[in-house]
Amino acid sequence: MATEGDKPPTPPPPTTAAAPAARPARTVTRAVAGRLSWGLADQAASSLSNFAVGVYVARSLGLTAFGVFSLAWVTYGVVLSVSRGLATDPLVVRFSAVSEASWRQAVSRSTGTSLGVGAVIGAVCLALWPLLNGSVGAAFACLGVVLPGLLLQDAWRYSFFAAGVGRKAFVNDVVWGVALVPAMVVAARAGTVPAFVLAWGGSAAVAAAYGWAQSGIRPRLTGARPWIRDHRDLGYRYLVENTCVSGAGQLRAYGLGAIVGVGAVGVVRGAELLQGPFLAVLMGLTLVTVAEAARMLRQAPHRLGRFCLFLGGGQAMAALLWGGVLLLMPDRAGELVLGDVWPAAKELIVPATLSVAGAGVGTGAAAGLRALGAARLSLRCQIFASVCYVGLGIGGAALGGTVGSAWGAAAASVCGSAAWWLHLRIALREHHRDLSSVK
């Protein structure tokens, strides 16, 4: 049964016998490693498809049109954050270690909520079409059409990881990647931003339909209202927290476009694409780590802090290593990947790498706060990090153009990570104090 409030159920006290305790510790480690392996495989598939879409669109459309596509992309990120906050984040926190019957009922309502969010906000995007000019308006209208499928596909991924069957999420992302190939070819023949938006979202709808077949669970739109009501203590806070993240990115993109030009948005997106799988992993890291951190809290709560440190440190080191590879990449290879976007994007490699590495450190702490159900602390931390990102990103653009904005975002990433770890330390101290009082 789902719990209420900011804290998950109190785990049972650890065993005191030395021999029995060692075996569960090894078993837990092996189980976590297996699930994280599927998580890494799934993120690799998702990252590869996102990277391929970005590169293909950048080379097919050029800098200005790619900037328009990027505006639709970051807008989708905001909507995705709304869906995750209301629907799938509470699912992962509260239904990652429950019976199959409870999980299935929760998934039916959670996926219905995601589908409903996509339908409502999609209708808003369509209504904005007449108010926006040219290709921007058409791109947003097409985004409105494909939003339900995009959000439902993401909800299936969260659902499978909550159940500990990451292989199904991996297969689902592979299906999306396979469907993308013919869709992108058709879009390239049309050669317009709306065509690429429809191709990208339409292929996600194919994977969303396959997710229904994989799970055998029908999303219940009528379950959206009771789901939101029953989990409003977490959902509303996670909604604000998530939209702070994506909304900050969107505000920075809009501010950069207004100060420097739409082409600058495409340059920043090109620099993000160069980060390859690491940025995509960071954007969707809670897909795997929150579920695993929640299991860790129930099975070995004393190891949660080290688990989060391992996650954050590993991500940061991987990002720094990849940034070093990018710095050594010859111009010919960069032009092959990004075309006309490369000359400007390569100037952002260093600050973009530092930004991703800083965010990587923070994701480990963020996973721990989510697992602890400390929505109040994580919300406070995310608001601080988002304000830093918007302020320093737009302020940097005003002072130093696109490069200044990139360095501002890197500084904001470091400040935000420090805040995440400070708040995780507070939450762990409170949790251990509560466990001591129960004993």
Protein backbone atom coordinates (compact mmCIF):
# COMPACT_ATOMS: atom_id res chain seq x y z
CA MET A 1 0.00 0.00 0.00
CA ALA A 2 1.33 3.44 -0.90
CA THR A 3 2.39 5.63 1.97
CA GLU A 4 1.57 9.26 2.57
CA GLY A 5 3.88 12.10 3.55
CA ASP A 6 7.46 12.82 2.67
CA LYS A 7 8.95 9.56 3.92
CA PRO A 8 8.78 6.00 2.55
CA PRO A 9 7.95 3.09 4.83
CA THR A 10 10.45 2.49 7.61
CA PRO A 11 12.64 -0.47 6.59
CA PRO A 12 12.97 -3.46 8.87
CA PRO A 13 15.94 -3.41 11.24
CA PRO A 14 19.06 -5.10 9.88
CA THR A 15 19.97 -8.59 10.96
CA THR A 16 22.55 -8.94 13.69
CA ALA A 17 24.06 -12.26 12.65
CA ALA A 18 27.29 -11.83 10.72
CA ALA A 19 26.97 -14.71 8.32
CA PRO A 20 23.36 -14.10 7.24
CA ALA A 21 24.05 -10.38 6.80
CA ALA A 22 26.95 -10.97 4.40
CA ARG A 23 24.94 -13.03 2.00
CA PRO A 24 22.12 -10.49 1.59
CA ALA A 25 24.72 -7.73 1.04
CA ARG A 26 26.29 -9.66 -1.84
CA THR A 27 22.87 -10.56 -3.18
CA VAL A 28 21.76 -6.93 -3.09
CA THR A 29 24.94 -5.85 -4.90
CA ARG A 30 24.47 -8.41 -7.67
CA ALA A 31 20.80 -7.53 -8.10
CA VAL A 32 21.55 -3.81 -8.27
CA ALA A 33 24.35 -4.39 -10.76
CA GLY A 34 22.04 -6.42 -12.98
CA ARG A 35 19.29 -3.83 -12.98
CA LEU A 36 21.75 -0.98 -13.52
CA SER A 37 23.20 -2.87 -16.47
CA TRP A 38 19.81 -2.89 -18.13
CA GLY A 39 19.45 0.76 -17.17
CA LEU A 40 22.73 1.60 -18.86
CA ALA A 41 21.72 -0.40 -21.93
CA ASP A 42 18.39 1.39 -22.09
CA GLN A 43 20.01 4.80 -21.66
CA ALA A 44 22.52 3.93 -24.37
CA ALA A 45 19.68 3.10 -26.76
CA SER A 46 17.82 6.29 -25.83
CA SER A 47 20.98 8.40 -26.08
CA LEU A 48 21.89 6.95 -29.45
CA SER A 49 18.47 7.69 -30.92
CA ASN A 50 18.45 11.25 -29.49
CA PHE A 51 21.94 11.86 -30.82
CA ALA A 52 21.04 10.47 -34.24
CA VAL A 53 17.93 12.64 -34.46
CA GLY A 54 19.83 15.78 -33.50
CA VAL A 55 22.69 15.14 -35.92
CA TYR A 56 20.37 14.21 -38.78
CA VAL A 57 18.18 17.26 -38.31
CA ALA A 58 21.18 19.59 -37.90
CA ARG A 59 22.74 18.37 -41.14
CA SER A 60 19.45 18.37 -43.02
CA LEU A 61 18.07 21.78 -42.01
CA GLY A 62 20.99 24.10 -41.26
CA LEU A 63 21.61 26.39 -38.30
CA THR A 64 18.46 28.58 -38.21
CA ALA A 65 15.94 25.80 -38.88
CA PHE A 66 17.75 23.58 -36.40
CA GLY A 67 17.27 26.35 -33.85
CA VAL A 68 13.51 26.21 -34.46
CA PHE A 69 13.54 22.43 -34.01
CA SER A 70 15.52 22.90 -30.79
CA LEU A 71 12.84 25.25 -29.43
CA ALA A 72 10.27 22.50 -29.96
CA TRP A 73 12.66 20.03 -28.32
CA VAL A 74 13.15 22.07 -25.14
CA THR A 75 9.39 22.70 -24.97
CA TYR A 76 8.84 18.95 -25.06
CA GLY A 77 11.30 18.72 -22.17
CA VAL A 78 9.08 21.00 -20.07
CA VAL A 79 5.97 18.95 -20.84
CA LEU A 80 7.86 15.74 -20.09
CA SER A 81 8.78 17.17 -16.70
CA VAL A 82 5.11 17.85 -15.95
CA SER A 83 4.22 14.27 -16.85
CA ARG A 84 7.01 12.80 -14.77
CA GLY A 85 6.23 14.95 -11.75
CA LEU A 86 2.54 14.08 -11.69
CA ALA A 87 2.60 10.52 -13.03
CA THR A 88 5.83 8.55 -13.04
CA ASP A 89 8.00 10.01 -10.27
CA PRO A 90 5.48 9.02 -7.57
CA LEU A 91 5.21 5.62 -9.26
CA VAL A 92 8.96 4.99 -9.01
CA VAL A 93 9.22 6.20 -5.41
CA ARG A 94 6.22 4.28 -4.05
CA PHE A 95 5.79 1.23 -6.29
CA SER A 96 9.37 0.02 -6.95
CA ALA A 97 9.25 -2.79 -4.39
CA VAL A 98 5.61 -3.87 -4.19
CA SER A 99 3.51 -6.82 -5.30
CA GLU A 100 2.73 -7.27 -8.97
CA ALA A 101 -0.98 -6.61 -8.40
CA SER A 102 -0.26 -3.27 -6.74
CA TRP A 103 2.23 -2.37 -9.48
CA ARG A 104 -0.21 -3.16 -12.29
CA GLN A 105 -2.98 -1.08 -10.76
CA ALA A 106 -0.59 1.80 -10.20
CA VAL A 107 0.82 1.59 -13.74
CA SER A 108 -2.65 1.68 -15.25
CA ARG A 109 -3.42 4.95 -13.50
CA SER A 110 0.05 6.42 -13.89
CA THR A 111 0.24 5.84 -17.66
CA GLY A 112 -3.29 7.18 -17.99
CA THR A 113 -2.12 10.34 -16.25
CA SER A 114 0.80 10.73 -18.67
CA LEU A 115 -1.51 10.22 -21.62
CA GLY A 116 -3.92 12.81 -20.25
CA VAL A 117 -1.14 15.36 -19.71
CA GLY A 118 -0.05 14.87 -23.32
CA ALA A 119 -3.58 15.33 -24.64
CA VAL A 120 -4.27 18.50 -22.64
CA ILE A 121 -0.98 20.26 -23.32
CA GLY A 122 -1.03 19.04 -26.91
CA ALA A 123 -4.35 20.79 -27.39
CA VAL A 124 -2.80 23.98 -26.00
CA CYS A 125 0.06 23.74 -28.51
CA LEU A 126 -2.42 23.38 -31.33
CA ALA A 127 -4.37 26.39 -30.09
CA LEU A 128 -1.18 28.48 -30.16
CA TRP A 129 -0.56 27.78 -33.85
CA PRO A 130 -2.39 30.87 -35.17
CA LEU A 131 -0.58 33.09 -32.66
CA LEU A 132 2.94 32.02 -33.69
CA ASN A 133 4.57 32.93 -36.96
CA GLY A 134 5.86 30.71 -39.74
CA SER A 135 7.76 27.52 -39.07
CA VAL A 136 7.75 28.08 -35.29
CA GLY A 137 3.96 27.93 -35.15
CA ALA A 138 3.81 24.90 -37.44
CA ALA A 139 6.47 23.10 -35.38
CA PHE A 140 4.54 23.69 -32.15
CA ALA A 141 1.31 22.49 -33.76
CA CYS A 142 3.00 19.25 -34.82
CA LEU A 143 4.46 18.89 -31.35
CA GLY A 144 0.94 19.09 -29.97
CA VAL A 145 -0.13 16.20 -32.19
CA VAL A 146 2.67 13.87 -31.07
CA LEU A 147 2.87 14.75 -27.37
CA PRO A 148 0.52 11.98 -26.12
CA GLY A 149 2.62 9.28 -27.76
CA LEU A 150 5.90 10.79 -26.56
CA LEU A 151 4.74 10.96 -22.94
CA LEU A 152 3.18 7.50 -22.92
CA GLN A 153 6.39 5.96 -24.26
CA ASP A 154 8.36 7.59 -21.46
CA ALA A 155 5.82 6.40 -18.89
CA TRP A 156 6.27 2.77 -19.97
CA ARG A 157 10.02 3.08 -19.41
CA TYR A 158 9.50 4.32 -15.86
CA SER A 159 6.95 1.59 -15.22
CA PHE A 160 9.28 -1.19 -16.32
CA PHE A 161 12.15 0.07 -14.19
CA ALA A 162 9.88 0.40 -11.18
CA ALA A 163 9.10 -3.31 -11.61
CA GLY A 164 12.80 -4.16 -11.96
CA VAL A 165 12.42 -5.37 -15.58
CA GLY A 166 14.69 -2.90 -17.32
CA ARG A 167 15.12 -5.22 -20.30
CA LYS A 168 11.58 -4.34 -21.39
CA ALA A 169 12.41 -0.64 -21.29
CA PHE A 170 15.50 -1.35 -23.37
CA VAL A 171 13.51 -3.28 -25.97
CA ASN A 172 10.94 -0.48 -26.10
CA ASP A 173 13.62 2.13 -26.80
CA VAL A 174 15.10 -0.11 -29.50
CA VAL A 175 11.68 -0.31 -31.13
CA TRP A 176 11.52 3.50 -31.12
CA GLY A 177 14.98 3.68 -32.68
CA VAL A 178 14.06 1.24 -35.43
CA ALA A 179 10.84 3.14 -36.19
CA LEU A 180 12.85 6.39 -36.38
CA VAL A 181 14.85 5.24 -39.40
CA PRO A 182 12.12 5.24 -42.06
CA ALA A 183 10.40 8.21 -40.41
CA MET A 184 13.53 10.37 -40.64
CA VAL A 185 14.09 9.36 -44.27
CA VAL A 186 10.58 10.51 -45.17
CA ALA A 187 11.03 13.74 -43.20
CA ALA A 188 14.31 14.48 -45.00
CA ARG A 189 12.49 14.34 -48.32
CA ALA A 190 10.06 16.98 -47.08
CA GLY A 191 12.94 19.03 -45.66
CA THR A 192 10.91 21.04 -43.13
CA VAL A 193 10.94 21.41 -39.36
CA PRO A 194 7.31 20.22 -38.93
CA ALA A 195 8.08 17.07 -40.91
CA PHE A 196 10.95 16.18 -38.58
CA VAL A 197 8.84 16.87 -35.48
CA LEU A 198 6.12 14.54 -36.79
CA ALA A 199 8.66 11.86 -37.68
CA TRP A 200 10.28 12.00 -34.25
CA GLY A 201 6.99 11.95 -32.32
CA GLY A 202 5.24 9.51 -34.63
CA SER A 203 7.94 6.89 -34.14
CA ALA A 204 7.59 7.36 -30.36
CA ALA A 205 3.88 6.55 -30.71
CA VAL A 206 4.84 3.22 -32.29
CA ALA A 207 6.98 2.40 -29.25
CA ALA A 208 4.19 3.56 -26.93
CA ALA A 209 1.76 1.14 -28.57
CA TYR A 210 4.33 -1.63 -28.22
CA GLY A 211 4.71 -0.79 -24.52
CA TRP A 212 1.01 -1.48 -24.09
CA ALA A 213 1.53 -4.90 -25.69
CA GLN A 214 4.62 -5.57 -23.53
CA SER A 215 2.87 -4.88 -20.25
CA GLY A 216 -0.63 -6.03 -21.06
CA ILE A 217 -1.88 -3.02 -19.09
CA ARG A 218 -4.34 -0.52 -20.51
CA PRO A 219 -3.71 3.10 -19.55
CA ARG A 220 -6.78 4.45 -17.73
CA LEU A 221 -7.49 8.09 -18.42
CA THR A 222 -10.20 7.94 -15.77
CA GLY A 223 -7.53 6.98 -13.25
CA ALA A 224 -5.63 10.24 -13.70
CA ARG A 225 -7.66 12.26 -11.19
CA PRO A 226 -7.50 9.72 -8.32
CA TRP A 227 -3.80 9.10 -9.04
CA ILE A 228 -2.97 12.81 -8.77
CA ARG A 229 -5.15 13.14 -5.66
CA ASP A 230 -3.66 10.12 -3.87
CA HIS A 231 -0.07 11.21 -4.51
CA ARG A 232 -0.43 14.96 -4.40
CA ASP A 233 1.98 15.20 -1.44
CA LEU A 234 4.78 14.09 -3.76
CA GLY A 235 3.34 14.85 -7.18
CA TYR A 236 2.83 18.59 -6.81
CA ARG A 237 6.28 19.11 -5.34
CA TYR A 238 7.91 16.96 -8.01
CA LEU A 239 5.89 18.84 -10.63
CA VAL A 240 7.34 22.15 -9.49
CA GLU A 241 10.79 20.64 -9.11
CA ASN A 242 10.81 19.06 -12.56
CA THR A 243 9.40 22.07 -14.33
CA CYS A 244 12.04 24.22 -12.64
CA VAL A 245 14.65 22.10 -14.39
CA SER A 246 13.14 22.04 -17.86
CA GLY A 247 11.60 25.49 -17.51
CA ALA A 248 15.02 26.91 -16.69
CA GLY A 249 16.41 25.35 -19.84
CA GLN A 250 13.54 26.75 -21.88
CA LEU A 251 13.90 30.24 -20.40
CA ARG A 252 17.61 30.19 -21.09
CA ALA A 253 16.96 29.11 -24.69
CA TYR A 254 14.33 31.81 -25.22
CA GLY A 255 16.54 34.44 -23.55
CA LEU A 256 19.55 33.40 -25.62
CA GLY A 257 17.45 33.55 -28.78
CA ALA A 258 16.18 37.03 -27.90
CA ILE A 259 19.64 38.39 -27.00
CA VAL A 260 21.87 36.67 -29.56
CA GLY A 261 19.48 35.14 -32.11
CA VAL A 262 17.70 31.86 -32.88
CA GLY A 263 20.88 30.49 -34.42
CA ALA A 264 22.55 30.65 -30.99
CA VAL A 265 19.96 28.18 -29.68
CA GLY A 266 21.04 25.79 -32.40
CA VAL A 267 24.71 26.28 -31.45
CA VAL A 268 24.00 25.41 -27.81
CA ARG A 269 21.98 22.38 -28.87
CA GLY A 270 24.87 21.33 -31.10
CA ALA A 271 27.28 21.53 -28.16
CA GLU A 272 24.87 19.42 -26.11
CA LEU A 273 24.74 16.83 -28.89
CA LEU A 274 28.52 16.58 -28.77
CA GLN A 275 28.23 15.34 -25.19
CA GLY A 276 26.73 12.20 -26.73
CA PRO A 277 25.16 9.73 -24.34
CA PHE A 278 26.16 11.48 -21.12
CA LEU A 279 23.76 14.40 -21.30
CA ALA A 280 20.87 12.11 -22.19
CA VAL A 281 21.76 9.81 -19.31
CA LEU A 282 21.74 12.75 -16.92
CA MET A 283 18.38 13.98 -18.21
CA GLY A 284 16.78 10.62 -17.59
CA LEU A 285 18.95 9.27 -14.79
CA THR A 286 16.07 9.08 -12.30
CA LEU A 287 14.58 6.44 -14.58
CA VAL A 288 17.04 3.96 -13.06
CA THR A 289 18.65 5.47 -10.00
CA VAL A 290 15.60 6.53 -8.01
CA ALA A 291 14.12 3.04 -8.22
CA GLU A 292 17.45 1.52 -7.20
CA ALA A 293 17.98 4.04 -4.41
CA ALA A 294 14.49 3.25 -3.10
CA ARG A 295 15.35 -0.45 -3.04
CA MET A 296 18.66 0.31 -1.37
CA LEU A 297 16.85 2.30 1.31
CA ARG A 298 14.59 -0.65 2.11
CA GLN A 299 17.22 -3.38 1.92
CA ALA A 300 20.45 -1.70 3.11
CA PRO A 301 19.72 1.86 4.26
CA HIS A 302 23.23 2.40 5.65
CA ARG A 303 24.63 2.09 2.10
CA LEU A 304 22.45 4.75 0.50
CA GLY A 305 24.95 7.60 0.88
CA ARG A 306 27.80 5.60 -0.67
CA PHE A 307 25.51 4.45 -3.46
CA CYS A 308 24.64 8.05 -4.32
CA LEU A 309 28.30 9.09 -4.20
CA PHE A 310 29.21 6.28 -6.57
CA LEU A 311 26.50 7.35 -9.01
CA GLY A 312 27.43 11.02 -8.98
CA GLY A 313 31.18 10.52 -9.11
CA GLY A 314 30.94 7.97 -11.90
CA GLN A 315 28.83 10.25 -14.06
CA ALA A 316 31.15 13.21 -13.53
CA MET A 317 34.29 11.24 -14.39
CA ALA A 318 32.70 9.81 -17.53
CA ALA A 319 31.63 13.28 -18.68
CA LEU A 320 35.14 14.69 -18.15
CA LEU A 321 36.73 11.84 -20.08
CA TRP A 322 34.32 12.33 -22.95
CA GLY A 323 35.01 16.05 -22.96
CA GLY A 324 38.71 15.29 -23.33
CA VAL A 325 37.93 13.13 -26.36
CA LEU A 326 35.89 15.94 -27.91
CA LEU A 327 38.74 18.43 -27.48
CA LEU A 328 40.99 16.12 -29.49
CA MET A 329 38.44 15.58 -32.27
CA PRO A 330 39.61 17.02 -35.64
CA ASP A 331 37.50 19.61 -37.43
CA ARG A 332 36.79 17.21 -40.27
CA ALA A 333 35.09 14.77 -37.89
CA GLY A 334 33.13 17.58 -36.22
CA GLU A 335 31.88 18.87 -39.56
CA LEU A 336 30.87 15.34 -40.50
CA VAL A 337 28.71 15.16 -37.38
CA LEU A 338 27.20 18.66 -37.15
CA GLY A 339 27.83 20.23 -40.54
CA ASP A 340 27.61 24.03 -40.45
CA VAL A 341 26.85 23.97 -36.70
CA TRP A 342 30.32 22.60 -35.81
CA PRO A 343 32.52 25.77 -36.03
CA ALA A 344 30.46 27.60 -33.42
CA ALA A 345 29.62 24.55 -31.30
CA LYS A 346 33.25 23.51 -30.79
CA GLU A 347 33.91 26.74 -28.86
CA LEU A 348 31.47 25.52 -26.21
CA ILE A 349 33.04 22.09 -25.58
CA VAL A 350 34.88 23.04 -22.38
CA PRO A 351 32.03 24.87 -20.59
CA ALA A 352 29.48 22.29 -21.79
CA THR A 353 31.64 19.46 -20.45
CA LEU A 354 32.03 21.16 -17.07
CA SER A 355 28.28 21.76 -16.97
CA VAL A 356 27.51 18.08 -17.59
CA ALA A 357 30.15 16.94 -15.09
CA GLY A 358 28.78 19.27 -12.42
CA ALA A 359 25.25 18.05 -13.06
CA GLY A 360 26.51 14.46 -12.88
CA VAL A 361 27.76 14.99 -9.34
CA GLY A 362 24.36 16.38 -8.36
CA THR A 363 22.30 13.55 -9.85
CA GLY A 364 23.59 11.09 -7.28
CA ALA A 365 22.39 13.28 -4.42
CA ALA A 366 19.10 13.97 -6.20
CA ALA A 367 18.40 10.24 -6.49
CA GLY A 368 18.96 9.86 -2.75
CA LEU A 369 16.58 12.69 -1.90
CA ARG A 370 13.90 11.21 -4.16
CA ALA A 371 14.28 7.78 -2.61
CA LEU A 372 13.98 9.26 0.87
CA GLY A 373 10.76 10.97 -0.17
CA ALA A 374 12.22 14.29 0.96
CA ALA A 375 10.21 16.28 -1.56
CA ARG A 376 10.37 19.46 0.51
CA LEU A 377 14.17 19.48 0.55
CA SER A 378 14.57 18.47 -3.07
CA LEU A 379 12.11 21.15 -4.18
CA ARG A 380 14.03 23.82 -2.29
CA CYS A 381 17.30 22.63 -3.80
CA GLN A 382 15.93 22.47 -7.34
CA ILE A 383 14.48 25.96 -7.19
CA PHE A 384 17.89 27.29 -6.13
CA ALA A 385 19.68 25.41 -8.93
CA SER A 386 17.16 26.56 -11.55
CA VAL A 387 17.39 30.20 -10.52
CA CYS A 388 21.17 29.98 -10.82
CA TYR A 389 20.88 28.37 -14.25
CA VAL A 390 18.53 30.98 -15.66
CA GLY A 391 20.26 33.94 -14.07
CA LEU A 392 23.82 32.95 -14.92
CA GLY A 393 22.89 31.56 -18.35
CA ILE A 394 21.04 34.67 -19.53
CA GLY A 395 23.41 36.99 -17.69
CA GLY A 396 26.34 35.32 -19.43
CA ALA A 397 24.59 35.75 -22.78
CA ALA A 398 24.18 39.47 -22.14
CA LEU A 399 27.86 39.83 -21.22
CA GLY A 400 29.53 37.38 -23.59
CA GLY A 401 27.05 36.07 -26.14
CA THR A 402 26.73 32.33 -26.72
CA VAL A 403 30.08 31.50 -25.10
CA GLY A 404 29.26 33.62 -22.05
CA SER A 405 25.94 31.84 -21.66
CA ALA A 406 27.71 28.46 -21.76
CA TRP A 407 30.14 29.45 -19.01
CA GLY A 408 27.28 30.83 -16.93
CA ALA A 409 25.45 27.51 -17.23
CA ALA A 410 28.60 25.65 -16.15
CA ALA A 411 28.95 27.83 -13.03
CA ALA A 412 25.28 27.28 -12.22
CA SER A 413 25.72 23.51 -12.54
CA VAL A 414 28.51 23.48 -9.95
CA CYS A 415 26.51 25.65 -7.53
CA GLY A 416 23.45 23.43 -7.94
CA SER A 417 25.40 20.22 -7.27
CA ALA A 418 26.79 21.65 -4.04
CA ALA A 419 23.25 22.43 -2.92
CA TRP A 420 22.03 18.89 -3.74
CA TRP A 421 24.70 17.25 -1.58
CA LEU A 422 24.14 19.63 1.30
CA HIS A 423 20.43 18.79 1.30
CA LEU A 424 21.07 15.04 0.99
CA ARG A 425 23.27 15.21 4.07
CA ILE A 426 20.44 16.89 5.97
CA ALA A 427 17.90 14.31 4.78
CA LEU A 428 20.11 11.34 5.70
CA ARG A 429 20.68 12.74 9.16
CA GLU A 430 16.93 13.15 9.67
CA HIS A 431 16.24 9.64 8.37
CA HIS A 432 18.80 8.02 10.69
CA ARG A 433 17.38 9.98 13.61
CA ASP A 434 13.87 8.72 12.80
CA LEU A 435 15.12 5.11 12.58
CA SER A 436 16.79 5.47 15.99
CA SER A 437 13.59 6.78 17.55
CA VAL A 438 11.61 3.81 16.15
CA LYS A 439 14.06 1.36 17.65
